[in-house]
PDB file of N, CA and C in Angstrom:
ATOM      1  N   MET A   1      44.399  14.270  -4.223  1.00  0.00           N
ATOM      2  CA  MET A   1      42.858  15.399  -4.727  1.00  0.00           C
ATOM      3  C   MET A   1      42.648  17.228  -4.751  1.00  0.00           C
ATOM      4  N   ASP A   2      42.203  17.030  -5.639  1.00  0.00           N
ATOM      5  CA  ASP A   2      41.355  18.851  -5.668  1.00  0.00           C
ATOM      6  C   ASP A   2      41.070  19.083  -3.844  1.00  0.00           C
ATOM      7  N   PRO A   3      42.033  19.806  -3.459  1.00  0.00           N
ATOM      8  CA  PRO A   3      41.432  20.652  -2.312  1.00  0.00           C
ATOM      9  C   PRO A   3      40.870  20.747  -1.879  1.00  0.00           C
ATOM     10  N   ILE A   4      39.647  21.026  -2.656  1.00  0.00           N
ATOM     11  CA  ILE A   4      37.817  21.964  -1.871  1.00  0.00           C
ATOM     12  C   ILE A   4      37.457  21.162  -2.940  1.00  0.00           C
ATOM     13  N   ARG A   5      37.521  19.878  -2.881  1.00  0.00           N
ATOM     14  CA  ARG A   5      36.573  18.601  -3.229  1.00  0.00           C
ATOM     15  C   ARG A   5      36.488  17.992  -2.200  1.00  0.00           C
ATOM     16  N   ALA A   6      38.118  17.962  -1.978  1.00  0.00           N
ATOM     17  CA  ALA A   6      38.623  17.012  -0.128  1.00  0.00           C
ATOM     18  C   ALA A   6      37.019  17.889   1.038  1.00  0.00           C
ATOM     19  N   ILE A   7      37.667  18.856   0.671  1.00  0.00           N
ATOM     20  CA  ILE A   7      36.638  19.985   2.221  1.00  0.00           C
ATOM     21  C   ILE A   7      34.904  19.093   1.754  1.00  0.00           C
ATOM     22  N   ALA A   8      34.268  19.699   0.119  1.00  0.00           N
ATOM     23  CA  ALA A   8      33.586  18.877  -0.515  1.00  0.00           C
ATOM     24  C   ALA A   8      32.866  17.586   0.363  1.00  0.00           C
ATOM     25  N   ASP A   9      34.085  16.711   0.266  1.00  0.00           N
ATOM     26  CA  ASP A   9      33.484  15.816   0.568  1.00  0.00           C
ATOM     27  C   ASP A   9      33.496  15.434   1.911  1.00  0.00           C
ATOM     28  N   ALA A  10      34.592  15.979   2.816  1.00  0.00           N
ATOM     29  CA  ALA A  10      33.778  16.158   4.273  1.00  0.00           C
ATOM     30  C   ALA A  10      32.558  16.923   4.486  1.00  0.00           C
ATOM     31  N   VAL A  11      32.204  17.224   4.055  1.00  0.00           N
ATOM     32  CA  VAL A  11      31.183  18.731   4.620  1.00  0.00           C
ATOM     33  C   VAL A  11      29.824  16.844   3.944  1.00  0.00           C
ATOM     34  N   LEU A  12      29.734  17.267   3.063  1.00  0.00           N
ATOM     35  CA  LEU A  12      28.738  15.423   1.829  1.00  0.00           C
ATOM     36  C   LEU A  12      28.615  14.359   3.100  1.00  0.00           C
ATOM     37  N   TYR A  13      29.772  13.802   3.613  1.00  0.00           N
ATOM     38  CA  TYR A  13      30.062  12.642   4.309  1.00  0.00           C
ATOM     39  C   TYR A  13      30.042  12.848   5.694  1.00  0.00           C
ATOM     40  N   GLU A  14      29.776  14.520   6.302  1.00  0.00           N
ATOM     41  CA  GLU A  14      30.327  14.461   7.836  1.00  0.00           C
ATOM     42  C   GLU A  14      29.071  14.114   8.763  1.00  0.00           C
ATOM     43  N   GLY A  15      28.030  13.891   8.160  1.00  0.00           N
ATOM     44  CA  GLY A  15      27.230  13.314   8.862  1.00  0.00           C
ATOM     45  C   GLY A  15      26.857  11.563   8.991  1.00  0.00           C
ATOM     46  N   TYR A  16      27.202  11.742   7.341  1.00  0.00           N
ATOM     47  CA  TYR A  16      27.022   9.915   7.128  1.00  0.00           C
ATOM     48  C   TYR A  16      28.145   9.088   7.743  1.00  0.00           C
ATOM     49  N   ALA A  17      29.457   9.138   7.885  1.00  0.00           N
ATOM     50  CA  ALA A  17      30.451   8.382   8.088  1.00  0.00           C
ATOM     51  C   ALA A  17      30.211   8.316   9.772  1.00  0.00           C
ATOM     52  N   LEU A  18      29.600   9.402  10.530  1.00  0.00           N
ATOM     53  CA  LEU A  18      29.523   8.610  11.754  1.00  0.00           C
ATOM     54  C   LEU A  18      27.857   8.731  12.647  1.00  0.00           C
ATOM     55  N   TRP A  19      27.765   7.525  11.187  1.00  0.00           N
ATOM     56  CA  TRP A  19      26.316   6.343  11.423  1.00  0.00           C
ATOM     57  C   TRP A  19      27.095   5.286  12.323  1.00  0.00           C
ATOM     58  N   PRO A  20      28.103   4.218  12.008  1.00  0.00           N
ATOM     59  CA  PRO A  20      28.333   2.817  11.486  1.00  0.00           C
ATOM     60  C   PRO A  20      28.672   2.273  12.731  1.00  0.00           C
ATOM     61  N   TYR A  21      28.269   3.096  13.771  1.00  0.00           N
ATOM     62  CA  TYR A  21      28.805   1.965  14.871  1.00  0.00           C
ATOM     63  C   TYR A  21      26.895   1.235  15.290  1.00  0.00           C
ATOM     64  N   THR A  22      25.945   1.059  15.830  1.00  0.00           N
ATOM     65  CA  THR A  22      25.318   0.283  16.104  1.00  0.00           C
ATOM     66  C   THR A  22      23.943   1.000  15.937  1.00  0.00           C
ATOM     67  N   ARG A  23      23.342   0.536  15.167  1.00  0.00           N
ATOM     68  CA  ARG A  23      21.959   0.270  15.086  1.00  0.00           C
ATOM     69  C   ARG A  23      20.992   0.527  16.198  1.00  0.00           C
ATOM     70  N   SER A  24      21.085   0.275  17.447  1.00  0.00           N
ATOM     71  CA  SER A  24      20.775   0.092  18.529  1.00  0.00           C
ATOM     72  C   SER A  24      20.913   1.709  19.156  1.00  0.00           C
ATOM     73  N   ALA A  25      22.093   2.555  18.805  1.00  0.00           N
ATOM     74  CA  ALA A  25      22.426   3.589  19.828  1.00  0.00           C
ATOM     75  C   ALA A  25      21.938   3.826  19.209  1.00  0.00           C
ATOM     76  N   LEU A  26      21.481   5.209  19.707  1.00  0.00           N
ATOM     77  CA  LEU A  26      20.202   6.196  19.890  1.00  0.00           C
ATOM     78  C   LEU A  26      20.429   7.183  18.532  1.00  0.00           C
ATOM     79  N   LYS A  27      21.834   7.567  18.355  1.00  0.00           N
ATOM     80  CA  LYS A  27      22.427   8.687  17.436  1.00  0.00           C
ATOM     81  C   LYS A  27      22.143   7.787  16.165  1.00  0.00           C
ATOM     82  N   ASN A  28      21.645   6.756  16.029  1.00  0.00           N
ATOM     83  CA  ASN A  28      22.270   5.720  15.381  1.00  0.00           C
ATOM     84  C   ASN A  28      20.398   6.343  14.851  1.00  0.00           C
ATOM     85  N   GLN A  29      19.246   6.345  15.435  1.00  0.00           N
ATOM     86  CA  GLN A  29      17.798   6.301  15.347  1.00  0.00           C
ATOM     87  C   GLN A  29      17.400   7.010  14.728  1.00  0.00           C
ATOM     88  N   ARG A  30      18.168   8.809  14.568  1.00  0.00           N
ATOM     89  CA  ARG A  30      17.769   9.703  14.771  1.00  0.00           C
ATOM     90  C   ARG A  30      18.615  10.298  13.684  1.00  0.00           C
ATOM     91  N   ARG A  31      18.805   9.513  13.052  1.00  0.00           N
ATOM     92  CA  ARG A  31      19.690  10.569  11.638  1.00  0.00           C
ATOM     93  C   ARG A  31      19.298  12.017  10.991  1.00  0.00           C
ATOM     94  N   TRP A  32      20.445  12.327  10.815  1.00  0.00           N
ATOM     95  CA  TRP A  32      20.317  13.709  10.555  1.00  0.00           C
ATOM     96  C   TRP A  32      21.677  14.419   9.709  1.00  0.00           C
ATOM     97  N   THR A  33      21.890  15.193   8.871  1.00  0.00           N
ATOM     98  CA  THR A  33      22.863  15.055   8.057  1.00  0.00           C
ATOM     99  C   THR A  33      22.132  16.548   7.579  1.00  0.00           C
ATOM    100  N   PHE A  34      23.787  17.089   7.056  1.00  0.00           N
ATOM    101  CA  PHE A  34      23.218  19.040   6.711  1.00  0.00           C
ATOM    102  C   PHE A  34      22.359  19.317   5.274  1.00  0.00           C
ATOM    103  N   GLY A  35      21.469  20.207   5.500  1.00  0.00           N
ATOM    104  CA  GLY A  35      20.516  20.019   3.975  1.00  0.00           C
ATOM    105  C   GLY A  35      20.373  18.819   3.279  1.00  0.00           C
ATOM    106  N   GLY A  36      19.973  18.273   4.298  1.00  0.00           N
ATOM    107  CA  GLY A  36      19.092  16.880   3.787  1.00  0.00           C
ATOM    108  C   GLY A  36      17.718  17.783   3.019  1.00  0.00           C
ATOM    109  N   VAL A  37      16.741  16.988   2.278  1.00  0.00           N
ATOM    110  CA  VAL A  37      16.260  17.072   1.824  1.00  0.00           C
ATOM    111  C   VAL A  37      14.572  16.109   1.373  1.00  0.00           C
ATOM    112  N   PHE A  38      13.641  16.010   1.373  1.00  0.00           N
ATOM    113  CA  PHE A  38      12.716  14.855   1.267  1.00  0.00           C
ATOM    114  C   PHE A  38      11.332  14.753   0.619  1.00  0.00           C
ATOM    115  N   PRO A  39      11.242  13.549   0.139  1.00  0.00           N
ATOM    116  CA  PRO A  39      10.030  14.505  -1.120  1.00  0.00           C
ATOM    117  C   PRO A  39       8.486  14.390  -0.194  1.00  0.00           C
ATOM    118  N   PRO A  40       8.059  15.408  -1.491  1.00  0.00           N
ATOM    119  CA  PRO A  40       7.387  16.125  -1.007  1.00  0.00           C
ATOM    120  C   PRO A  40       6.187  15.564   0.195  1.00  0.00           C
ATOM    121  N   ALA A  41       6.045  13.996  -0.359  1.00  0.00           N
ATOM    122  CA  ALA A  41       5.079  13.012   0.381  1.00  0.00           C
ATOM    123  C   ALA A  41       5.528  13.346   2.124  1.00  0.00           C
ATOM    124  N   HIS A  42       7.193  13.219   1.507  1.00  0.00           N
ATOM    125  CA  HIS A  42       7.162  13.014   3.575  1.00  0.00           C
ATOM    126  C   HIS A  42       7.466  14.022   4.332  1.00  0.00           C
ATOM    127  N   THR A  43       7.703  15.578   3.361  1.00  0.00           N
ATOM    128  CA  THR A  43       7.327  16.984   4.312  1.00  0.00           C
ATOM    129  C   THR A  43       5.483  17.433   4.332  1.00  0.00           C
ATOM    130  N   ALA A  44       5.027  17.250   3.647  1.00  0.00           N
ATOM    131  CA  ALA A  44       3.255  16.631   4.109  1.00  0.00           C
ATOM    132  C   ALA A  44       3.325  15.669   5.379  1.00  0.00           C
ATOM    133  N   ALA A  45       4.009  15.042   5.688  1.00  0.00           N
ATOM    134  CA  ALA A  45       3.653  14.248   6.977  1.00  0.00           C
ATOM    135  C   ALA A  45       5.012  15.335   8.585  1.00  0.00           C
ATOM    136  N   HIS A  46       5.664  15.148   8.026  1.00  0.00           N
ATOM    137  CA  HIS A  46       6.745  15.264   8.955  1.00  0.00           C
ATOM    138  C   HIS A  46       7.509  17.296   8.376  1.00  0.00           C
ATOM    139  N   PRO A  47       7.027  18.451   8.527  1.00  0.00           N
ATOM    140  CA  PRO A  47       6.881  19.388   8.255  1.00  0.00           C
ATOM    141  C   PRO A  47       8.132  20.314   8.542  1.00  0.00           C
ATOM    142  N   ASP A  48       8.435  19.821   9.165  1.00  0.00           N
ATOM    143  CA  ASP A  48      10.305  20.035   9.774  1.00  0.00           C
ATOM    144  C   ASP A  48      11.373  19.522   8.617  1.00  0.00           C
ATOM    145  N   ASP A  49      10.846  18.594   7.787  1.00  0.00           N
ATOM    146  CA  ASP A  49      11.503  17.556   6.643  1.00  0.00           C
ATOM    147  C   ASP A  49      12.117  18.489   4.813  1.00  0.00           C
ATOM    148  N   PRO A  50      12.768  19.231   5.066  1.00  0.00           N
ATOM    149  CA  PRO A  50      12.219  19.624   3.679  1.00  0.00           C
ATOM    150  C   PRO A  50      12.340  19.425   2.493  1.00  0.00           C
ATOM    151  N   TRP A  51      11.433  20.076   1.446  1.00  0.00           N
ATOM    152  CA  TRP A  51      11.548  19.069   0.187  1.00  0.00           C
ATOM    153  C   TRP A  51      12.566  20.183  -0.663  1.00  0.00           C
ATOM    154  N   THR A  52      12.539  21.094  -0.721  1.00  0.00           N
ATOM    155  CA  THR A  52      13.542  21.979  -1.934  1.00  0.00           C
ATOM    156  C   THR A  52      14.308  22.076  -0.659  1.00  0.00           C
ATOM    157  N   MET A  53      15.429  23.006  -1.443  1.00  0.00           N
ATOM    158  CA  MET A  53      16.534  23.527  -1.352  1.00  0.00           C
ATOM    159  C   MET A  53      17.148  24.965  -2.007  1.00  0.00           C
ATOM    160  N   ARG A  54      17.153  25.824  -2.066  1.00  0.00           N
ATOM    161  CA  ARG A  54      17.997  27.492  -2.589  1.00  0.00           C
ATOM    162  C   ARG A  54      19.514  27.929  -2.102  1.00  0.00           C
ATOM    163  N   THR A  55      19.867  28.057  -2.526  1.00  0.00           N
ATOM    164  CA  THR A  55      21.850  27.828  -2.794  1.00  0.00           C
ATOM    165  C   THR A  55      22.230  29.224  -3.261  1.00  0.00           C
ATOM    166  N   GLU A  56      22.577  30.533  -3.131  1.00  0.00           N
ATOM    167  CA  GLU A  56      23.029  31.697  -3.753  1.00  0.00           C
ATOM    168  C   GLU A  56      24.010  31.861  -2.928  1.00  0.00           C
ATOM    169  N   CYS A  57      25.167  32.348  -4.334  1.00  0.00           N
ATOM    170  CA  CYS A  57      26.896  32.506  -4.541  1.00  0.00           C
ATOM    171  C   CYS A  57      26.270  33.630  -4.977  1.00  0.00           C
ATOM    172  N   LEU A  58      27.658  34.376  -4.426  1.00  0.00           N
ATOM    173  CA  LEU A  58      27.769  35.875  -5.528  1.00  0.00           C
ATOM    174  C   LEU A  58      29.083  35.774  -5.846  1.00  0.00           C
ATOM    175  N   LEU A  59      29.791  35.537  -7.173  1.00  0.00           N
ATOM    176  CA  LEU A  59      30.657  35.334  -8.317  1.00  0.00           C
ATOM    177  C   LEU A  59      31.075  36.258  -9.048  1.00  0.00           C
ATOM    178  N   GLU A  60      32.096  36.506  -8.928  1.00  0.00           N
ATOM    179  CA  GLU A  60      33.021  37.421 -10.003  1.00  0.00           C
ATOM    180  C   GLU A  60      34.127  36.953 -10.723  1.00  0.00           C
ATOM    181  N   GLY A  61      34.109  37.583 -11.711  1.00  0.00           N
ATOM    182  CA  GLY A  61      34.733  36.677 -12.957  1.00  0.00           C
ATOM    183  C   GLY A  61      35.576  37.559 -13.759  1.00  0.00           C
ATOM    184  N   GLY A  62      36.990  37.048 -14.234  1.00  0.00           N
ATOM    185  CA  GLY A  62      36.477  38.189 -15.728  1.00  0.00           C
ATOM    186  C   GLY A  62      35.965  37.686 -17.014  1.00  0.00           C
ATOM    187  N   THR A  63      36.407  38.756 -18.267  1.00  0.00           N
ATOM    188  CA  THR A  63      35.521  38.385 -19.320  1.00  0.00           C
ATOM    189  C   THR A  63      35.559  37.043 -20.047  1.00  0.00           C
ATOM    190  N   ASP A  64      36.633  36.388 -19.344  1.00  0.00           N
ATOM    191  CA  ASP A  64      36.757  34.587 -20.256  1.00  0.00           C
ATOM    192  C   ASP A  64      36.340  33.457 -18.601  1.00  0.00           C
ATOM    193  N   ALA A  65      35.346  34.029 -17.750  1.00  0.00           N
ATOM    194  CA  ALA A  65      35.265  32.908 -16.771  1.00  0.00           C
ATOM    195  C   ALA A  65      34.227  31.981 -17.054  1.00  0.00           C
ATOM    196  N   THR A  66      33.841  31.029 -16.302  1.00  0.00           N
ATOM    197  CA  THR A  66      32.869  29.930 -17.186  1.00  0.00           C
ATOM    198  C   THR A  66      32.472  29.280 -15.097  1.00  0.00           C
ATOM    199  N   LEU A  67      31.509  28.776 -15.326  1.00  0.00           N
ATOM    200  CA  LEU A  67      31.217  28.683 -14.325  1.00  0.00           C
ATOM    201  C   LEU A  67      30.569  27.311 -14.787  1.00  0.00           C
ATOM    202  N   ASP A  68      31.582  26.378 -13.716  1.00  0.00           N
ATOM    203  CA  ASP A  68      30.942  24.468 -13.494  1.00  0.00           C
ATOM    204  C   ASP A  68      29.767  24.114 -12.487  1.00  0.00           C
ATOM    205  N   VAL A  69      29.161  24.021 -12.601  1.00  0.00           N
ATOM    206  CA  VAL A  69      27.819  23.463 -11.244  1.00  0.00           C
ATOM    207  C   VAL A  69      27.819  21.980 -11.491  1.00  0.00           C
ATOM    208  N   ARG A  70      27.938  21.638  -9.975  1.00  0.00           N
ATOM    209  CA  ARG A  70      28.344  20.330 -10.063  1.00  0.00           C
ATOM    210  C   ARG A  70      26.773  20.266  -8.261  1.00  0.00           C
ATOM    211  N   VAL A  71      25.985  19.420  -9.304  1.00  0.00           N
ATOM    212  CA  VAL A  71      25.495  19.127  -7.188  1.00  0.00           C
ATOM    213  C   VAL A  71      25.528  17.383  -7.161  1.00  0.00           C
ATOM    214  N   ARG A  72      26.043  17.045  -5.942  1.00  0.00           N
ATOM    215  CA  ARG A  72      26.338  16.323  -5.480  1.00  0.00           C
ATOM    216  C   ARG A  72      25.606  16.096  -4.188  1.00  0.00           C
ATOM    217  N   PHE A  73      24.971  14.359  -4.250  1.00  0.00           N
ATOM    218  CA  PHE A  73      24.379  14.449  -2.264  1.00  0.00           C
ATOM    219  C   PHE A  73      24.243  13.019  -2.535  1.00  0.00           C
ATOM    220  N   LEU A  74      23.842  12.452  -0.909  1.00  0.00           N
ATOM    221  CA  LEU A  74      23.952  11.339  -0.617  1.00  0.00           C
ATOM    222  C   LEU A  74      21.969  10.965  -0.913  1.00  0.00           C
ATOM    223  N   HIS A  75      21.724   9.559  -1.328  1.00  0.00           N
ATOM    224  CA  HIS A  75      20.440   9.140  -1.913  1.00  0.00           C
ATOM    225  C   HIS A  75      20.389   8.016  -0.931  1.00  0.00           C
ATOM    226  N   VAL A  76      20.157   8.259   0.377  1.00  0.00           N
ATOM    227  CA  VAL A  76      19.279   7.168   0.533  1.00  0.00           C
ATOM    228  C   VAL A  76      18.886   5.810  -0.085  1.00  0.00           C
ATOM    229  N   VAL A  77      19.210   5.120   0.242  1.00  0.00           N
ATOM    230  CA  VAL A  77      18.686   3.418  -0.139  1.00  0.00           C
ATOM    231  C   VAL A  77      18.523   2.456   1.249  1.00  0.00           C
ATOM    232  N   THR A  78      17.649   1.603   0.950  1.00  0.00           N
ATOM    233  CA  THR A  78      17.414   1.114   2.010  1.00  0.00           C
ATOM    234  C   THR A  78      17.189  -0.329   1.171  1.00  0.00           C
ATOM    235  N   ARG A  79      18.069  -1.242   2.645  1.00  0.00           N
ATOM    236  CA  ARG A  79      18.434  -2.356   1.920  1.00  0.00           C
ATOM    237  C   ARG A  79      17.387  -3.079   3.096  1.00  0.00           C
ATOM    238  N   ARG A  80      17.358  -4.030   2.353  1.00  0.00           N
ATOM    239  CA  ARG A  80      16.114  -5.251   3.396  1.00  0.00           C
ATOM    240  C   ARG A  80      16.828  -6.621   3.339  1.00  0.00           C
ATOM    241  N   VAL A  81      15.926  -7.328   4.096  1.00  0.00           N
ATOM    242  CA  VAL A  81      17.005  -8.670   3.399  1.00  0.00           C
ATOM    243  C   VAL A  81      15.251  -9.591   4.377  1.00  0.00           C
ATOM    244  N   GLY A  82      15.558 -10.466   3.313  1.00  0.00           N
ATOM    245  CA  GLY A  82      14.443 -11.622   3.191  1.00  0.00           C
ATOM    246  C   GLY A  82      14.904 -13.344   3.704  1.00  0.00           C
ATOM    247  N   ARG A  83      13.376 -13.878   3.206  1.00  0.00           N
ATOM    248  CA  ARG A  83      13.669 -14.853   3.785  1.00  0.00           C
ATOM    249  C   ARG A  83      12.319 -15.847   3.411  1.00  0.00           C
ATOM    250  N   ALA A  84      12.835 -16.716   2.466  1.00  0.00           N
ATOM    251  CA  ALA A  84      11.770 -17.286   1.513  1.00  0.00           C
ATOM    252  C   ALA A  84      10.638 -17.734   3.086  1.00  0.00           C
ATOM    253  N   ALA A  85       9.372 -17.745   2.169  1.00  0.00           N
ATOM    254  CA  ALA A  85       7.782 -18.257   3.153  1.00  0.00           C
ATOM    255  C   ALA A  85       7.248 -18.177   1.735  1.00  0.00           C
ATOM    256  N   GLY A  86       6.900 -19.841   2.218  1.00  0.00           N
ATOM    257  CA  GLY A  86       5.680 -20.269   1.441  1.00  0.00           C
ATOM    258  C   GLY A  86       5.921 -20.320  -0.511  1.00  0.00           C
ATOM    259  N   ASP A  87       5.314 -19.232  -0.639  1.00  0.00           N
ATOM    260  CA  ASP A  87       5.349 -18.869  -2.599  1.00  0.00           C
ATOM    261  C   ASP A  87       6.206 -17.245  -2.778  1.00  0.00           C
ATOM    262  N   GLY A  88       5.937 -16.782  -1.712  1.00  0.00           N
ATOM    263  CA  GLY A  88       7.057 -15.291  -1.591  1.00  0.00           C
ATOM    264  C   GLY A  88       8.482 -15.231  -0.631  1.00  0.00           C
ATOM    265  N   LEU A  89       7.823 -13.594  -0.197  1.00  0.00           N
ATOM    266  CA  LEU A  89       8.932 -13.818   1.057  1.00  0.00           C
ATOM    267  C   LEU A  89       9.218 -12.426   2.485  1.00  0.00           C
ATOM    268  N   GLU A  90       9.803 -13.120   3.227  1.00  0.00           N
ATOM    269  CA  GLU A  90       8.899 -12.361   4.710  1.00  0.00           C
ATOM    270  C   GLU A  90      10.392 -11.104   4.981  1.00  0.00           C
ATOM    271  N   LEU A  91       9.756 -10.065   4.276  1.00  0.00           N
ATOM    272  CA  LEU A  91      10.709  -9.279   5.060  1.00  0.00           C
ATOM    273  C   LEU A  91      11.265  -9.287   6.955  1.00  0.00           C
ATOM    274  N   VAL A  92      12.960  -8.990   7.035  1.00  0.00           N
ATOM    275  CA  VAL A  92      13.217  -9.497   8.741  1.00  0.00           C
ATOM    276  C   VAL A  92      14.056  -8.609   8.927  1.00  0.00           C
ATOM    277  N   ASP A  93      13.737  -8.384   9.749  1.00  0.00           N
ATOM    278  CA  ASP A  93      15.441  -6.651  10.458  1.00  0.00           C
ATOM    279  C   ASP A  93      16.291  -8.054  10.078  1.00  0.00           C
ATOM    280  N   GLU A  94      17.238  -8.914  10.537  1.00  0.00           N
ATOM    281  CA  GLU A  94      17.741  -9.209  10.064  1.00  0.00           C
ATOM    282  C   GLU A  94      17.640 -10.962   9.894  1.00  0.00           C
ATOM    283  N   LEU A  95      18.736 -11.722   9.329  1.00  0.00           N
ATOM    284  CA  LEU A  95      19.498 -12.942   8.924  1.00  0.00           C
ATOM    285  C   LEU A  95      20.699 -13.747   9.253  1.00  0.00           C
ATOM    286  N   GLN A  96      20.880 -15.027   9.159  1.00  0.00           N
ATOM    287  CA  GLN A  96      21.990 -15.131   9.899  1.00  0.00           C
ATOM    288  C   GLN A  96      22.061 -16.565   8.901  1.00  0.00           C
ATOM    289  N   ILE A  97      23.139 -16.415   7.886  1.00  0.00           N
ATOM    290  CA  ILE A  97      22.772 -17.293   6.732  1.00  0.00           C
ATOM    291  C   ILE A  97      24.692 -18.169   6.688  1.00  0.00           C
ATOM    292  N   GLY A  98      24.918 -19.334   6.558  1.00  0.00           N
ATOM    293  CA  GLY A  98      25.872 -19.498   6.858  1.00  0.00           C
ATOM    294  C   GLY A  98      27.100 -18.961   7.669  1.00  0.00           C
ATOM    295  N   GLY A  99      26.562 -18.330   8.308  1.00  0.00           N
ATOM    296  CA  GLY A  99      27.927 -17.813   9.371  1.00  0.00           C
ATOM    297  C   GLY A  99      27.448 -16.190   9.028  1.00  0.00           C
ATOM    298  N   GLU A 100      27.482 -16.148   7.733  1.00  0.00           N
ATOM    299  CA  GLU A 100      26.903 -15.011   7.317  1.00  0.00           C
ATOM    300  C   GLU A 100      25.534 -14.134   8.118  1.00  0.00           C
ATOM    301  N   HIS A 101      26.558 -13.092   8.378  1.00  0.00           N
ATOM    302  CA  HIS A 101      25.288 -12.104   8.689  1.00  0.00           C
ATOM    303  C   HIS A 101      24.495 -10.622   8.270  1.00  0.00           C
ATOM    304  N   TYR A 102      23.072 -10.380   8.226  1.00  0.00           N
ATOM    305  CA  TYR A 102      22.625  -9.701   7.359  1.00  0.00           C
ATOM    306  C   TYR A 102      21.989  -8.277   7.963  1.00  0.00           C
ATOM    307  N   VAL A 103      21.664  -7.608   7.953  1.00  0.00           N
ATOM    308  CA  VAL A 103      20.987  -6.276   8.380  1.00  0.00           C
ATOM    309  C   VAL A 103      20.108  -5.988   7.355  1.00  0.00           C
ATOM    310  N   ALA A 104      19.007  -5.715   7.739  1.00  0.00           N
ATOM    311  CA  ALA A 104      17.892  -4.376   7.061  1.00  0.00           C
ATOM    312  C   ALA A 104      18.620  -2.715   7.835  1.00  0.00           C
ATOM    313  N   TRP A 105      18.590  -2.157   6.328  1.00  0.00           N
ATOM    314  CA  TRP A 105      19.830  -0.839   7.323  1.00  0.00           C
ATOM    315  C   TRP A 105      19.645   0.439   5.910  1.00  0.00           C
ATOM    316  N   ASP A 106      19.896   1.533   6.305  1.00  0.00           N
ATOM    317  CA  ASP A 106      19.539   2.163   5.717  1.00  0.00           C
ATOM    318  C   ASP A 106      21.007   2.801   4.568  1.00  0.00           C
ATOM    319  N   GLU A 107      21.809   2.798   3.198  1.00  0.00           N
ATOM    320  CA  GLU A 107      22.780   2.578   3.303  1.00  0.00           C
ATOM    321  C   GLU A 107      22.707   4.477   2.654  1.00  0.00           C
ATOM    322  N   ALA A 108      23.685   4.571   1.774  1.00  0.00           N
ATOM    323  CA  ALA A 108      24.063   6.275   1.030  1.00  0.00           C
ATOM    324  C   ALA A 108      24.517   5.785  -0.362  1.00  0.00           C
ATOM    325  N   ALA A 109      23.753   6.311  -1.809  1.00  0.00           N
ATOM    326  CA  ALA A 109      25.078   6.056  -3.228  1.00  0.00           C
ATOM    327  C   ALA A 109      25.018   7.359  -3.661  1.00  0.00           C
ATOM    328  N   GLU A 110      26.557   7.612  -3.397  1.00  0.00           N
ATOM    329  CA  GLU A 110      26.638   9.131  -4.342  1.00  0.00           C
ATOM    330  C   GLU A 110      26.196   9.544  -4.958  1.00  0.00           C
ATOM    331  N   ARG A 111      25.202  10.512  -5.601  1.00  0.00           N
ATOM    332  CA  ARG A 111      24.874  10.467  -6.272  1.00  0.00           C
ATOM    333  C   ARG A 111      25.347  12.275  -7.014  1.00  0.00           C
ATOM    334  N   GLU A 112      25.528  12.488  -8.768  1.00  0.00           N
ATOM    335  CA  GLU A 112      26.006  13.733  -8.429  1.00  0.00           C
ATOM    336  C   GLU A 112      25.487  14.310 -10.046  1.00  0.00           C
ATOM    337  N   VAL A 113      24.745  15.229 -10.400  1.00  0.00           N
ATOM    338  CA  VAL A 113      24.695  16.310 -11.297  1.00  0.00           C
ATOM    339  C   VAL A 113      25.308  17.387 -12.146  1.00  0.00           C
ATOM    340  N   VAL A 114      25.717  17.088 -12.701  1.00  0.00           N
ATOM    341  CA  VAL A 114      26.682  18.111 -13.701  1.00  0.00           C
ATOM    342  C   VAL A 114      25.386  19.475 -14.551  1.00  0.00           C
ATOM    343  N   LEU A 115      25.809  20.461 -14.495  1.00  0.00           N
ATOM    344  CA  LEU A 115      25.282  21.392 -15.016  1.00  0.00           C
ATOM    345  C   LEU A 115      26.353  21.866 -16.461  1.00  0.00           C
ATOM    346  N   ALA A 116      25.928  22.594 -17.297  1.00  0.00           N
ATOM    347  CA  ALA A 116      26.792  22.663 -18.240  1.00  0.00           C
ATOM    348  C   ALA A 116      27.947  23.788 -18.154  1.00  0.00           C
ATOM    349  N   LYS A 117      28.415  24.008 -19.013  1.00  0.00           N
ATOM    350  CA  LYS A 117      30.134  24.791 -18.057  1.00  0.00           C
ATOM    351  C   LYS A 117      28.765  26.508 -19.038  1.00  0.00           C
ATOM    352  N   ARG A 118      29.018  27.519 -17.584  1.00  0.00           N
ATOM    353  CA  ARG A 118      28.203  28.460 -18.766  1.00  0.00           C
ATOM    354  C   ARG A 118      29.555  29.619 -18.407  1.00  0.00           C
ATOM    355  N   LYS A 119      29.837  31.135 -19.559  1.00  0.00           N
ATOM    356  CA  LYS A 119      30.455  31.939 -19.501  1.00  0.00           C
ATOM    357  C   LYS A 119      29.797  32.963 -18.811  1.00  0.00           C
ATOM    358  N   ILE A 120      30.354  33.470 -17.163  1.00  0.00           N
ATOM    359  CA  ILE A 120      30.022  34.235 -16.788  1.00  0.00           C
ATOM    360  C   ILE A 120      29.897  35.975 -16.810  1.00  0.00           C
TER     361      ILE A 120
END
């Protein structure tokens, strides 16, 4: 693996990888990760949670240098658990089915946006 990618992965997953103990633990009820951004509607209600981010980098290169920009982030995905209730579905916090235990939880899916290579 590319050593730079390994460092980027460590930073990307640092907060997320430390969550998985128990949902009832205080540290898991108040999640925080480096560089989190949120939908504007959420930010309106929670001003300390930003909806934008800006990064600036100083680059130096030769005449044939190119820049490859990749934006990688974890996208929170809410896992819901429900059971049949009449003609619909009743959302529940947890459910036991055939010896399997299912719980509602927020998970993350890794996303990446790649911008075109540009000559610098």
